[in-house]
Amino acid sequence: QYGYFQASLASLTVLVGIQLYLIWLQNSNAGHWRLLKECTSVLLGYKPALDAYRVATGVKQKAGQKIDVMTEMTCAKCAEMFAEAIPGVIIQLMAIITIQEEKQVPKGAWASLVVSAFSTGFISASISYDYDTNPEKRQQTPDFYGYIPAQASTRTVVFTTMIFFSAGMLLIRCTTIVLLGLVGKRWAFAYIGGDLGLYLLMKILRGDFWYWV
């Protein structure tokens, strides 16, 4: 159990480090006071809410910043999924699967796993939703953006479906990684490498590799 705690703490530390590095890249030329305020939002844990507020209120890119607020929020969400959310699901699955046979898995462990999976699914779905419903992107690239309908009720159905799909795929892949890892680490790494390799190959064949990089 202490090992799982160390793994969770390590993933959280990596996330904070990545977010601080992204903030430094974004605000290194925007002044020390702004850089300090942005770092404080990460250390106190309200950076996601701050990014969402800026996007919702239409805050413009400040002088000295490298990217706009939408891209900044997307980078922060991707870092959260990569460094904390997905590793958290893997750690919890590992703890559940490797529990001793005479012990029963607590209901709280299952609830925590479900909440983590759907939280990650929500983050993933919100990134796609925000970009697809952006009027500028729909106007600039109508062939790619626009799969989410304009009607509010239908949008809710599509967004909810995206959350369930993302959470389900996450659980399937994380379970596969954990089970292969128990058989042998090389099998887990082979699965991850093969999955990413096929994804990048598809993007190269479609001709949008550089866009997704």
C-alpha atoms as a PDB file:
ATOM      1  CA  GLN A   1       0.000   0.000   0.000  1.00  0.00           C
ATOM      2  CA  TYR A   2       2.862   2.368   0.745  1.00  0.00           C
ATOM      3  CA  GLY A   3       4.181   1.682  -2.751  1.00  0.00           C
ATOM      4  CA  TYR A   4       0.893   2.817  -4.270  1.00  0.00           C
ATOM      5  CA  PHE A   5       1.082   5.968  -2.165  1.00  0.00           C
ATOM      6  CA  GLN A   6       4.593   6.654  -3.460  1.00  0.00           C
ATOM      7  CA  ALA A   7       3.439   6.115  -7.046  1.00  0.00           C
ATOM      8  CA  SER A   8       0.493   8.485  -6.578  1.00  0.00           C
ATOM      9  CA  LEU A   9       2.722  11.100  -4.962  1.00  0.00           C
ATOM     10  CA  ALA A  10       5.233  10.764  -7.804  1.00  0.00           C
ATOM     11  CA  SER A  11       2.537  11.287 -10.462  1.00  0.00           C
ATOM     12  CA  LEU A  12       1.241  14.354  -8.627  1.00  0.00           C
ATOM     13  CA  THR A  13       4.772  15.752  -8.349  1.00  0.00           C
ATOM     14  CA  VAL A  14       5.360  15.212 -12.070  1.00  0.00           C
ATOM     15  CA  LEU A  15       2.069  16.970 -12.862  1.00  0.00           C
ATOM     16  CA  VAL A  16       2.967  20.017 -10.763  1.00  0.00           C
ATOM     17  CA  GLY A  17       6.406  20.119 -12.383  1.00  0.00           C
ATOM     18  CA  ILE A  18       4.963  19.982 -15.897  1.00  0.00           C
ATOM     19  CA  GLN A  19       2.389  22.668 -15.143  1.00  0.00           C
ATOM     20  CA  LEU A  20       5.002  24.976 -13.624  1.00  0.00           C
ATOM     21  CA  TYR A  21       7.205  24.440 -16.681  1.00  0.00           C
ATOM     22  CA  LEU A  22       4.284  25.243 -19.023  1.00  0.00           C
ATOM     23  CA  ILE A  23       3.560  28.399 -17.029  1.00  0.00           C
ATOM     24  CA  TRP A  24       7.188  29.438 -17.294  1.00  0.00           C
ATOM     25  CA  LEU A  25       7.122  28.925 -21.066  1.00  0.00           C
ATOM     26  CA  GLN A  26       3.866  30.864 -21.358  1.00  0.00           C
ATOM     27  CA  ASN A  27       4.735  33.796 -19.086  1.00  0.00           C
ATOM     28  CA  SER A  28       8.535  34.036 -19.118  1.00  0.00           C
ATOM     29  CA  ASN A  29       8.313  37.315 -21.055  1.00  0.00           C
ATOM     30  CA  ALA A  30       5.184  38.616 -19.319  1.00  0.00           C
ATOM     31  CA  GLY A  31       6.814  39.869 -16.141  1.00  0.00           C
ATOM     32  CA  HIS A  32       7.832  38.340 -12.815  1.00  0.00           C
ATOM     33  CA  TRP A  33       4.631  39.376 -11.017  1.00  0.00           C
ATOM     34  CA  ARG A  34       2.387  37.581 -13.524  1.00  0.00           C
ATOM     35  CA  LEU A  35       4.671  34.549 -13.477  1.00  0.00           C
ATOM     36  CA  LEU A  36       4.393  34.413  -9.686  1.00  0.00           C
ATOM     37  CA  LYS A  37       0.592  34.671  -9.776  1.00  0.00           C
ATOM     38  CA  GLU A  38       0.316  31.876 -12.335  1.00  0.00           C
ATOM     39  CA  CYS A  39       2.633  29.599 -10.345  1.00  0.00           C
ATOM     40  CA  THR A  40       0.569  30.265  -7.229  1.00  0.00           C
ATOM     41  CA  SER A  41      -2.572  29.045  -9.022  1.00  0.00           C
ATOM     42  CA  VAL A  42      -0.847  25.714  -9.672  1.00  0.00           C
ATOM     43  CA  LEU A  43       0.530  25.294  -6.160  1.00  0.00           C
ATOM     44  CA  LEU A  44      -2.850  26.109  -4.591  1.00  0.00           C
ATOM     45  CA  GLY A  45      -4.746  23.865  -7.025  1.00  0.00           C
ATOM     46  CA  TYR A  46      -7.127  26.312  -8.705  1.00  0.00           C
ATOM     47  CA  LYS A  47      -5.371  26.509 -12.084  1.00  0.00           C
ATOM     48  CA  PRO A  48      -8.067  24.454 -13.944  1.00  0.00           C
ATOM     49  CA  ALA A  49     -10.854  26.691 -12.643  1.00  0.00           C
ATOM     50  CA  LEU A  50      -8.862  29.806 -13.552  1.00  0.00           C
ATOM     51  CA  ASP A  51      -8.259  28.568 -17.105  1.00  0.00           C
ATOM     52  CA  ALA A  52     -11.940  27.681 -17.556  1.00  0.00           C
ATOM     53  CA  TYR A  53     -12.984  31.128 -16.313  1.00  0.00           C
ATOM     54  CA  ARG A  54     -10.634  32.857 -18.739  1.00  0.00           C
ATOM     55  CA  VAL A  55     -11.910  30.848 -21.693  1.00  0.00           C
ATOM     56  CA  ALA A  56     -15.560  31.361 -20.701  1.00  0.00           C
ATOM     57  CA  THR A  57     -15.154  35.127 -20.311  1.00  0.00           C
ATOM     58  CA  GLY A  58     -13.125  35.528 -23.522  1.00  0.00           C
ATOM     59  CA  VAL A  59      -9.890  36.770 -21.966  1.00  0.00           C
ATOM     60  CA  LYS A  60      -7.433  37.740 -24.695  1.00  0.00           C
ATOM     61  CA  GLN A  61      -3.806  36.717 -24.972  1.00  0.00           C
ATOM     62  CA  LYS A  62      -1.609  39.104 -22.993  1.00  0.00           C
ATOM     63  CA  ALA A  63       1.545  40.764 -24.261  1.00  0.00           C
ATOM     64  CA  GLY A  64       4.546  38.484 -23.807  1.00  0.00           C
ATOM     65  CA  GLN A  65       2.530  35.272 -23.714  1.00  0.00           C
ATOM     66  CA  LYS A  66       3.285  32.530 -26.216  1.00  0.00           C
ATOM     67  CA  ILE A  67      -0.198  31.020 -26.741  1.00  0.00           C
ATOM     68  CA  ASP A  68      -3.858  31.971 -26.297  1.00  0.00           C
ATOM     69  CA  VAL A  69      -5.949  30.988 -23.268  1.00  0.00           C
ATOM     70  CA  MET A  70      -7.724  28.122 -25.052  1.00  0.00           C
ATOM     71  CA  THR A  71      -4.442  26.474 -26.026  1.00  0.00           C
ATOM     72  CA  GLU A  72      -3.056  27.064 -22.540  1.00  0.00           C
ATOM     73  CA  MET A  73      -6.054  25.349 -20.960  1.00  0.00           C
ATOM     74  CA  THR A  74      -5.750  22.442 -23.396  1.00  0.00           C
ATOM     75  CA  CYS A  75      -2.063  21.977 -22.553  1.00  0.00           C
ATOM     76  CA  ALA A  76      -2.887  21.992 -18.834  1.00  0.00           C
ATOM     77  CA  LYS A  77      -5.637  19.398 -19.321  1.00  0.00           C
ATOM     78  CA  CYS A  78      -3.368  17.157 -21.391  1.00  0.00           C
ATOM     79  CA  ALA A  79      -0.690  17.389 -18.704  1.00  0.00           C
ATOM     80  CA  GLU A  80      -3.269  16.471 -16.067  1.00  0.00           C
ATOM     81  CA  MET A  81      -4.380  13.403 -18.011  1.00  0.00           C
ATOM     82  CA  PHE A  82      -0.837  12.308 -18.858  1.00  0.00           C
ATOM     83  CA  ALA A  83       0.790  12.798 -15.456  1.00  0.00           C
ATOM     84  CA  GLU A  84      -2.013  12.245 -12.938  1.00  0.00           C
ATOM     85  CA  ALA A  85      -5.377  11.024 -14.218  1.00  0.00           C
ATOM     86  CA  ILE A  86      -4.279   8.049 -16.343  1.00  0.00           C
ATOM     87  CA  PRO A  87      -1.516   6.925 -13.923  1.00  0.00           C
ATOM     88  CA  GLY A  88      -4.063   7.234 -11.100  1.00  0.00           C
ATOM     89  CA  VAL A  89      -6.419   4.800 -12.832  1.00  0.00           C
ATOM     90  CA  ILE A  90      -3.552   2.363 -13.463  1.00  0.00           C
ATOM     91  CA  ILE A  91      -2.419   2.556  -9.830  1.00  0.00           C
ATOM     92  CA  GLN A  92      -5.932   1.932  -8.530  1.00  0.00           C
ATOM     93  CA  LEU A  93      -6.461  -1.003 -10.907  1.00  0.00           C
ATOM     94  CA  MET A  94      -3.150  -2.480  -9.832  1.00  0.00           C
ATOM     95  CA  ALA A  95      -4.147  -2.171  -6.176  1.00  0.00           C
ATOM     96  CA  ILE A  96      -7.513  -3.831  -6.805  1.00  0.00           C
ATOM     97  CA  ILE A  97      -6.213  -6.670  -8.986  1.00  0.00           C
ATOM     98  CA  THR A  98      -3.290  -7.549  -6.703  1.00  0.00           C
ATOM     99  CA  ILE A  99      -5.281  -7.537  -3.467  1.00  0.00           C
ATOM    100  CA  GLN A 100      -4.960 -10.748  -1.469  1.00  0.00           C
ATOM    101  CA  GLU A 101      -7.585 -13.398  -2.215  1.00  0.00           C
ATOM    102  CA  GLU A 102      -8.822 -13.619   1.377  1.00  0.00           C
ATOM    103  CA  LYS A 103      -9.521  -9.903   1.431  1.00  0.00           C
ATOM    104  CA  GLN A 104     -12.522  -8.237  -0.187  1.00  0.00           C
ATOM    105  CA  VAL A 105     -12.068  -5.159  -2.324  1.00  0.00           C
ATOM    106  CA  PRO A 106     -13.656  -2.234  -0.456  1.00  0.00           C
ATOM    107  CA  LYS A 107     -16.595  -0.556  -2.165  1.00  0.00           C
ATOM    108  CA  GLY A 108     -14.802   2.742  -1.746  1.00  0.00           C
ATOM    109  CA  ALA A 109     -11.973   1.473  -3.969  1.00  0.00           C
ATOM    110  CA  TRP A 110     -14.429   0.686  -6.775  1.00  0.00           C
ATOM    111  CA  ALA A 111     -16.135   4.055  -6.332  1.00  0.00           C
ATOM    112  CA  SER A 112     -12.780   5.851  -6.432  1.00  0.00           C
ATOM    113  CA  LEU A 113     -11.836   3.998  -9.626  1.00  0.00           C
ATOM    114  CA  VAL A 114     -15.119   4.902 -11.331  1.00  0.00           C
ATOM    115  CA  VAL A 115     -14.821   8.559 -10.311  1.00  0.00           C
ATOM    116  CA  SER A 116     -11.229   8.713 -11.595  1.00  0.00           C
ATOM    117  CA  ALA A 117     -12.170   7.103 -14.916  1.00  0.00           C
ATOM    118  CA  PHE A 118     -15.126   9.398 -15.532  1.00  0.00           C
ATOM    119  CA  SER A 119     -13.171  12.461 -14.416  1.00  0.00           C
ATOM    120  CA  THR A 120     -10.552  11.625 -17.015  1.00  0.00           C
ATOM    121  CA  GLY A 121     -13.294  10.974 -19.568  1.00  0.00           C
ATOM    122  CA  PHE A 122     -14.787  14.378 -18.803  1.00  0.00           C
ATOM    123  CA  ILE A 123     -11.432  16.120 -19.308  1.00  0.00           C
ATOM    124  CA  SER A 124     -10.893  14.359 -22.628  1.00  0.00           C
ATOM    125  CA  ALA A 125     -14.432  15.042 -23.831  1.00  0.00           C
ATOM    126  CA  SER A 126     -14.284  18.705 -22.795  1.00  0.00           C
ATOM    127  CA  ILE A 127     -11.131  19.263 -24.864  1.00  0.00           C
ATOM    128  CA  SER A 128     -12.811  17.883 -27.996  1.00  0.00           C
ATOM    129  CA  TYR A 129     -16.044  19.725 -27.227  1.00  0.00           C
ATOM    130  CA  ASP A 130     -14.359  23.100 -26.684  1.00  0.00           C
ATOM    131  CA  TYR A 131     -12.421  22.890 -29.928  1.00  0.00           C
ATOM    132  CA  ASP A 132     -15.275  21.555 -32.042  1.00  0.00           C
ATOM    133  CA  THR A 133     -17.759  24.203 -30.871  1.00  0.00           C
ATOM    134  CA  ASN A 134     -15.299  27.048 -31.336  1.00  0.00           C
ATOM    135  CA  PRO A 135     -16.795  29.292 -34.075  1.00  0.00           C
ATOM    136  CA  GLU A 136     -13.398  30.379 -35.402  1.00  0.00           C
ATOM    137  CA  LYS A 137     -12.154  26.810 -35.814  1.00  0.00           C
ATOM    138  CA  ARG A 138     -15.388  25.735 -37.479  1.00  0.00           C
ATOM    139  CA  GLN A 139     -15.019  28.581 -39.943  1.00  0.00           C
ATOM    140  CA  GLN A 140     -11.324  27.975 -40.608  1.00  0.00           C
ATOM    141  CA  THR A 141     -11.500  24.153 -40.866  1.00  0.00           C
ATOM    142  CA  PRO A 142     -15.090  23.117 -41.621  1.00  0.00           C
ATOM    143  CA  ASP A 143     -13.984  19.708 -42.935  1.00  0.00           C
ATOM    144  CA  PHE A 144     -12.596  18.739 -39.513  1.00  0.00           C
ATOM    145  CA  TYR A 145     -14.696  20.591 -36.942  1.00  0.00           C
ATOM    146  CA  GLY A 146     -18.489  20.505 -36.698  1.00  0.00           C
ATOM    147  CA  TYR A 147     -19.434  16.972 -35.648  1.00  0.00           C
ATOM    148  CA  ILE A 148     -21.210  18.294 -32.535  1.00  0.00           C
ATOM    149  CA  PRO A 149     -24.716  19.509 -33.532  1.00  0.00           C
ATOM    150  CA  ALA A 150     -26.004  22.992 -32.798  1.00  0.00           C
ATOM    151  CA  GLN A 151     -29.147  21.947 -30.900  1.00  0.00           C
ATOM    152  CA  ALA A 152     -28.552  22.153 -27.133  1.00  0.00           C
ATOM    153  CA  SER A 153     -30.265  18.891 -26.179  1.00  0.00           C
ATOM    154  CA  THR A 154     -28.432  16.947 -28.881  1.00  0.00           C
ATOM    155  CA  ARG A 155     -25.143  18.504 -27.809  1.00  0.00           C
ATOM    156  CA  THR A 156     -25.739  17.219 -24.286  1.00  0.00           C
ATOM    157  CA  VAL A 157     -26.334  13.706 -25.584  1.00  0.00           C
ATOM    158  CA  VAL A 158     -23.170  13.785 -27.711  1.00  0.00           C
ATOM    159  CA  PHE A 159     -21.062  15.207 -24.871  1.00  0.00           C
ATOM    160  CA  THR A 160     -22.353  12.614 -22.394  1.00  0.00           C
ATOM    161  CA  THR A 161     -21.650   9.836 -24.899  1.00  0.00           C
ATOM    162  CA  MET A 162     -18.115  11.156 -25.371  1.00  0.00           C
ATOM    163  CA  ILE A 163     -17.543  11.039 -21.603  1.00  0.00           C
ATOM    164  CA  PHE A 164     -18.744   7.425 -21.328  1.00  0.00           C
ATOM    165  CA  PHE A 165     -16.751   6.378 -24.403  1.00  0.00           C
ATOM    166  CA  SER A 166     -13.542   7.997 -23.132  1.00  0.00           C
ATOM    167  CA  ALA A 167     -13.958   6.530 -19.635  1.00  0.00           C
ATOM    168  CA  GLY A 168     -14.708   3.083 -21.042  1.00  0.00           C
ATOM    169  CA  MET A 169     -11.730   3.093 -23.397  1.00  0.00           C
ATOM    170  CA  LEU A 170      -9.511   4.280 -20.565  1.00  0.00           C
ATOM    171  CA  LEU A 171     -10.610   1.428 -18.302  1.00  0.00           C
ATOM    172  CA  ILE A 172     -10.144  -1.140 -21.076  1.00  0.00           C
ATOM    173  CA  ARG A 173      -6.648   0.033 -21.963  1.00  0.00           C
ATOM    174  CA  CYS A 174      -5.506   0.517 -18.373  1.00  0.00           C
ATOM    175  CA  THR A 175      -6.797  -2.935 -17.421  1.00  0.00           C
ATOM    176  CA  THR A 176      -4.914  -4.413 -20.373  1.00  0.00           C
ATOM    177  CA  ILE A 177      -1.708  -2.627 -19.326  1.00  0.00           C
ATOM    178  CA  VAL A 178      -2.043  -3.799 -15.717  1.00  0.00           C
ATOM    179  CA  LEU A 179      -2.731  -7.437 -16.661  1.00  0.00           C
ATOM    180  CA  LEU A 180       0.129  -7.510 -19.177  1.00  0.00           C
ATOM    181  CA  GLY A 181       2.376  -5.857 -16.601  1.00  0.00           C
ATOM    182  CA  LEU A 182       1.640  -8.658 -14.153  1.00  0.00           C
ATOM    183  CA  VAL A 183       2.644 -11.194 -16.806  1.00  0.00           C
ATOM    184  CA  GLY A 184       5.781  -9.263 -17.751  1.00  0.00           C
ATOM    185  CA  LYS A 185       6.721  -5.610 -18.059  1.00  0.00           C
ATOM    186  CA  ARG A 186       7.951  -6.096 -21.606  1.00  0.00           C
ATOM    187  CA  TRP A 187       4.446  -7.136 -22.681  1.00  0.00           C
ATOM    188  CA  ALA A 188       2.965  -3.969 -21.219  1.00  0.00           C
ATOM    189  CA  PHE A 189       5.553  -1.771 -22.946  1.00  0.00           C
ATOM    190  CA  ALA A 190       5.045  -3.694 -26.199  1.00  0.00           C
ATOM    191  CA  TYR A 191       1.308  -3.047 -26.015  1.00  0.00           C
ATOM    192  CA  ILE A 192       1.795   0.673 -25.319  1.00  0.00           C
ATOM    193  CA  GLY A 193       4.369   0.967 -28.115  1.00  0.00           C
ATOM    194  CA  GLY A 194       2.173  -0.895 -30.584  1.00  0.00           C
ATOM    195  CA  ASP A 195      -0.880   1.182 -29.693  1.00  0.00           C
ATOM    196  CA  LEU A 196       0.953   4.486 -30.085  1.00  0.00           C
ATOM    197  CA  GLY A 197       2.721   3.248 -33.211  1.00  0.00           C
ATOM    198  CA  LEU A 198      -0.564   2.376 -34.938  1.00  0.00           C
ATOM    199  CA  TYR A 199      -2.036   5.732 -33.894  1.00  0.00           C
ATOM    200  CA  LEU A 200       0.892   7.706 -35.330  1.00  0.00           C
ATOM    201  CA  LEU A 201       0.909   5.574 -38.485  1.00  0.00           C
ATOM    202  CA  MET A 202      -2.764   6.348 -39.029  1.00  0.00           C
ATOM    203  CA  LYS A 203      -2.084  10.065 -38.627  1.00  0.00           C
ATOM    204  CA  ILE A 204       0.798   9.902 -41.108  1.00  0.00           C
ATOM    205  CA  LEU A 205      -1.348   8.071 -43.654  1.00  0.00           C
ATOM    206  CA  ARG A 206      -4.150  10.636 -43.178  1.00  0.00           C
ATOM    207  CA  GLY A 207      -1.688  13.473 -43.710  1.00  0.00           C
ATOM    208  CA  ASP A 208      -2.375  15.284 -40.421  1.00  0.00           C
ATOM    209  CA  PHE A 209       0.637  14.061 -38.404  1.00  0.00           C
ATOM    210  CA  TRP A 210       2.165  17.505 -37.989  1.00  0.00           C
ATOM    211  CA  TYR A 211      -1.165  18.993 -36.899  1.00  0.00           C
ATOM    212  CA  TRP A 212      -1.542  16.493 -34.064  1.00  0.00           C
ATOM    213  CA  VAL A 213       2.088  16.792 -32.980  1.00  0.00           C
END
